[in-house]
Amino acid sequence: MFLASTKTWYLERVVYFVAGLFSLVGVSLGFFVSPWGYLLNLLVGVNLVVFSTIGFCPMAILLNKLGFQPKVKD
């Protein structure tokens, strides 16, 4: 089993947090407001796949400019 470090809010951890939050918002919008809300989940999923394959993530760039640093290898 892998457990991520919870001592600090490093960049990758915040990216996953924001992705999960946006995904929950998308499901809620899709269920309660309009089926178009599910489009937010599609965008989050595409962004996660792009981030994991080529390393480009607009949210990571924004969060880095806000001061979040990538996790330093132990």
N, C-alpha and C. Protein backbone atom coordinates (compact mmCIF):
# COMPACT_ATOMS: atom_id res chain seq x y z
N MET A 1 0.85 -1.17 0.00
CA MET A 1 0.00 0.00 0.00
C MET A 1 0.90 1.24 0.00
N PHE A 2 0.49 2.22 -0.77
CA PHE A 2 1.24 3.47 -0.83
C PHE A 2 0.47 4.56 -0.09
N LEU A 3 1.13 5.24 0.81
CA LEU A 3 0.54 6.37 1.51
C LEU A 3 1.37 7.61 1.21
N ALA A 4 0.72 8.63 0.71
CA ALA A 4 1.41 9.88 0.40
C ALA A 4 1.68 10.65 1.69
N SER A 5 2.71 11.44 1.64
CA SER A 5 3.04 12.27 2.79
C SER A 5 1.98 13.35 2.98
N THR A 6 1.56 13.53 4.22
CA THR A 6 0.55 14.55 4.52
C THR A 6 1.13 15.67 5.39
N LYS A 7 2.47 15.75 5.44
CA LYS A 7 3.11 16.76 6.27
C LYS A 7 3.00 18.15 5.65
N THR A 8 3.06 18.22 4.33
CA THR A 8 3.00 19.52 3.65
C THR A 8 2.05 19.45 2.47
N TRP A 9 1.63 20.62 2.01
CA TRP A 9 0.79 20.71 0.82
C TRP A 9 1.68 21.03 -0.38
N TYR A 10 2.33 20.00 -0.91
CA TYR A 10 3.18 20.18 -2.06
C TYR A 10 2.34 20.24 -3.33
N LEU A 11 2.94 20.69 -4.42
CA LEU A 11 2.22 20.99 -5.67
C LEU A 11 1.38 19.83 -6.17
N GLU A 12 1.95 18.64 -6.27
CA GLU A 12 1.21 17.50 -6.82
C GLU A 12 -0.01 17.15 -5.96
N ARG A 13 0.14 17.28 -4.66
CA ARG A 13 -0.99 16.98 -3.76
C ARG A 13 -2.12 17.99 -3.95
N VAL A 14 -1.78 19.24 -4.13
CA VAL A 14 -2.80 20.27 -4.34
C VAL A 14 -3.47 20.09 -5.70
N VAL A 15 -2.71 19.66 -6.72
CA VAL A 15 -3.31 19.41 -8.04
C VAL A 15 -4.37 18.31 -7.93
N TYR A 16 -4.05 17.22 -7.22
CA TYR A 16 -5.03 16.15 -7.03
C TYR A 16 -6.24 16.62 -6.22
N PHE A 17 -5.99 17.45 -5.22
CA PHE A 17 -7.09 18.00 -4.41
C PHE A 17 -8.04 18.84 -5.27
N VAL A 18 -7.47 19.73 -6.08
CA VAL A 18 -8.28 20.59 -6.94
C VAL A 18 -9.03 19.74 -7.98
N ALA A 19 -8.37 18.73 -8.55
CA ALA A 19 -9.03 17.86 -9.52
C ALA A 19 -10.21 17.13 -8.88
N GLY A 20 -10.02 16.62 -7.68
CA GLY A 20 -11.11 15.95 -6.99
C GLY A 20 -12.26 16.89 -6.65
N LEU A 21 -11.91 18.10 -6.23
CA LEU A 21 -12.92 19.10 -5.92
C LEU A 21 -13.73 19.48 -7.17
N PHE A 22 -13.03 19.73 -8.28
CA PHE A 22 -13.71 20.07 -9.53
C PHE A 22 -14.59 18.91 -10.00
N SER A 23 -14.11 17.68 -9.81
CA SER A 23 -14.88 16.52 -10.21
C SER A 23 -16.17 16.40 -9.39
N LEU A 24 -16.08 16.63 -8.08
CA LEU A 24 -17.28 16.61 -7.24
C LEU A 24 -18.26 17.71 -7.62
N VAL A 25 -17.73 18.89 -7.94
CA VAL A 25 -18.59 19.99 -8.38
C VAL A 25 -19.26 19.63 -9.69
N GLY A 26 -18.51 19.02 -10.62
CA GLY A 26 -19.08 18.62 -11.90
C GLY A 26 -20.20 17.61 -11.77
N VAL A 27 -20.01 16.62 -10.90
CA VAL A 27 -21.06 15.62 -10.66
C VAL A 27 -22.28 16.29 -10.03
N SER A 28 -22.05 17.17 -9.08
CA SER A 28 -23.17 17.86 -8.43
C SER A 28 -23.94 18.73 -9.43
N LEU A 29 -23.22 19.48 -10.25
CA LEU A 29 -23.89 20.30 -11.26
C LEU A 29 -24.65 19.43 -12.25
N GLY A 30 -24.04 18.33 -12.67
CA GLY A 30 -24.70 17.44 -13.62
C GLY A 30 -25.95 16.80 -13.04
N PHE A 31 -25.92 16.47 -11.79
CA PHE A 31 -27.06 15.80 -11.16
C PHE A 31 -28.17 16.78 -10.79
N PHE A 32 -27.80 17.93 -10.22
CA PHE A 32 -28.80 18.85 -9.69
C PHE A 32 -29.19 19.98 -10.63
N VAL A 33 -28.31 20.38 -11.54
CA VAL A 33 -28.57 21.57 -12.35
C VAL A 33 -28.83 21.21 -13.81
N SER A 34 -27.83 20.67 -14.46
CA SER A 34 -27.93 20.37 -15.89
C SER A 34 -26.95 19.27 -16.25
N PRO A 35 -27.32 18.41 -17.18
CA PRO A 35 -26.38 17.37 -17.63
C PRO A 35 -25.08 17.96 -18.20
N TRP A 36 -25.08 19.20 -18.59
CA TRP A 36 -23.86 19.84 -19.09
C TRP A 36 -22.80 19.95 -18.00
N GLY A 37 -23.18 19.84 -16.75
CA GLY A 37 -22.22 19.88 -15.65
C GLY A 37 -21.24 18.73 -15.70
N TYR A 38 -21.65 17.60 -16.30
CA TYR A 38 -20.75 16.46 -16.42
C TYR A 38 -19.57 16.77 -17.34
N LEU A 39 -19.69 17.80 -18.15
CA LEU A 39 -18.58 18.20 -19.02
C LEU A 39 -17.36 18.60 -18.20
N LEU A 40 -17.58 19.16 -17.02
CA LEU A 40 -16.47 19.52 -16.14
C LEU A 40 -15.67 18.28 -15.77
N ASN A 41 -16.35 17.15 -15.52
CA ASN A 41 -15.65 15.90 -15.21
C ASN A 41 -14.82 15.43 -16.39
N LEU A 42 -15.34 15.58 -17.59
CA LEU A 42 -14.59 15.21 -18.78
C LEU A 42 -13.32 16.04 -18.89
N LEU A 43 -13.43 17.33 -18.66
CA LEU A 43 -12.26 18.20 -18.74
C LEU A 43 -11.21 17.86 -17.68
N VAL A 44 -11.66 17.55 -16.48
CA VAL A 44 -10.74 17.16 -15.41
C VAL A 44 -10.03 15.86 -15.80
N GLY A 45 -10.77 14.90 -16.31
CA GLY A 45 -10.17 13.63 -16.71
C GLY A 45 -9.16 13.78 -17.83
N VAL A 46 -9.50 14.58 -18.83
CA VAL A 46 -8.56 14.82 -19.93
C VAL A 46 -7.30 15.50 -19.41
N ASN A 47 -7.47 16.48 -18.53
CA ASN A 47 -6.31 17.18 -17.98
C ASN A 47 -5.41 16.24 -17.17
N LEU A 48 -6.00 15.33 -16.40
CA LEU A 48 -5.20 14.38 -15.63
C LEU A 48 -4.42 13.43 -16.53
N VAL A 49 -5.05 13.00 -17.63
CA VAL A 49 -4.36 12.12 -18.57
C VAL A 49 -3.22 12.86 -19.25
N VAL A 50 -3.47 14.09 -19.68
CA VAL A 50 -2.41 14.89 -20.32
C VAL A 50 -1.27 15.15 -19.34
N PHE A 51 -1.60 15.48 -18.11
CA PHE A 51 -0.59 15.74 -17.09
C PHE A 51 0.28 14.50 -16.84
N SER A 52 -0.35 13.34 -16.76
CA SER A 52 0.42 12.12 -16.46
C SER A 52 1.24 11.64 -17.65
N THR A 53 0.84 11.96 -18.87
CA THR A 53 1.58 11.47 -20.04
C THR A 53 2.65 12.43 -20.52
N ILE A 54 2.34 13.72 -20.60
CA ILE A 54 3.35 14.65 -21.14
C ILE A 54 3.82 15.68 -20.13
N GLY A 55 3.17 15.76 -18.97
CA GLY A 55 3.64 16.65 -17.91
C GLY A 55 3.12 18.07 -17.97
N PHE A 56 2.21 18.38 -18.89
CA PHE A 56 1.66 19.73 -18.99
C PHE A 56 0.36 19.82 -18.22
N CYS A 57 0.28 20.79 -17.30
CA CYS A 57 -0.94 20.99 -16.52
C CYS A 57 -1.12 22.48 -16.22
N PRO A 58 -2.14 23.11 -16.81
CA PRO A 58 -2.36 24.53 -16.54
C PRO A 58 -2.58 24.82 -15.06
N MET A 59 -3.26 23.93 -14.33
CA MET A 59 -3.49 24.15 -12.91
C MET A 59 -2.18 24.11 -12.14
N ALA A 60 -1.28 23.21 -12.49
CA ALA A 60 0.01 23.13 -11.82
C ALA A 60 0.82 24.40 -12.07
N ILE A 61 0.75 24.93 -13.27
CA ILE A 61 1.45 26.18 -13.59
C ILE A 61 0.90 27.31 -12.72
N LEU A 62 -0.42 27.41 -12.63
CA LEU A 62 -1.06 28.45 -11.82
C LEU A 62 -0.70 28.29 -10.35
N LEU A 63 -0.79 27.07 -9.84
CA LEU A 63 -0.47 26.84 -8.43
C LEU A 63 1.00 27.11 -8.13
N ASN A 64 1.88 26.80 -9.07
CA ASN A 64 3.30 27.10 -8.88
C ASN A 64 3.53 28.59 -8.80
N LYS A 65 2.81 29.36 -9.62
CA LYS A 65 2.94 30.82 -9.57
C LYS A 65 2.37 31.38 -8.27
N LEU A 66 1.44 30.64 -7.66
CA LEU A 66 0.86 31.05 -6.38
C LEU A 66 1.75 30.66 -5.20
N GLY A 67 2.84 29.92 -5.48
CA GLY A 67 3.78 29.62 -4.42
C GLY A 67 3.92 28.17 -4.01
N PHE A 68 3.13 27.26 -4.56
CA PHE A 68 3.26 25.85 -4.22
C PHE A 68 4.46 25.27 -4.95
N GLN A 69 5.27 24.50 -4.22
CA GLN A 69 6.48 23.92 -4.79
C GLN A 69 6.30 22.41 -4.96
N PRO A 70 6.93 21.84 -6.01
CA PRO A 70 6.86 20.38 -6.18
C PRO A 70 7.50 19.65 -5.01
N LYS A 71 7.08 18.43 -4.81
CA LYS A 71 7.61 17.63 -3.71
C LYS A 71 9.08 17.33 -3.99
N VAL A 72 9.89 17.51 -2.97
CA VAL A 72 11.32 17.23 -3.07
C VAL A 72 11.52 15.74 -2.77
N LYS A 73 12.32 15.06 -3.59
CA LYS A 73 12.56 13.64 -3.36
C LYS A 73 13.31 13.44 -2.06
N ASP A 74 12.90 12.39 -1.33
CA ASP A 74 13.51 12.09 -0.03
C ASP A 74 14.86 11.46 -0.19
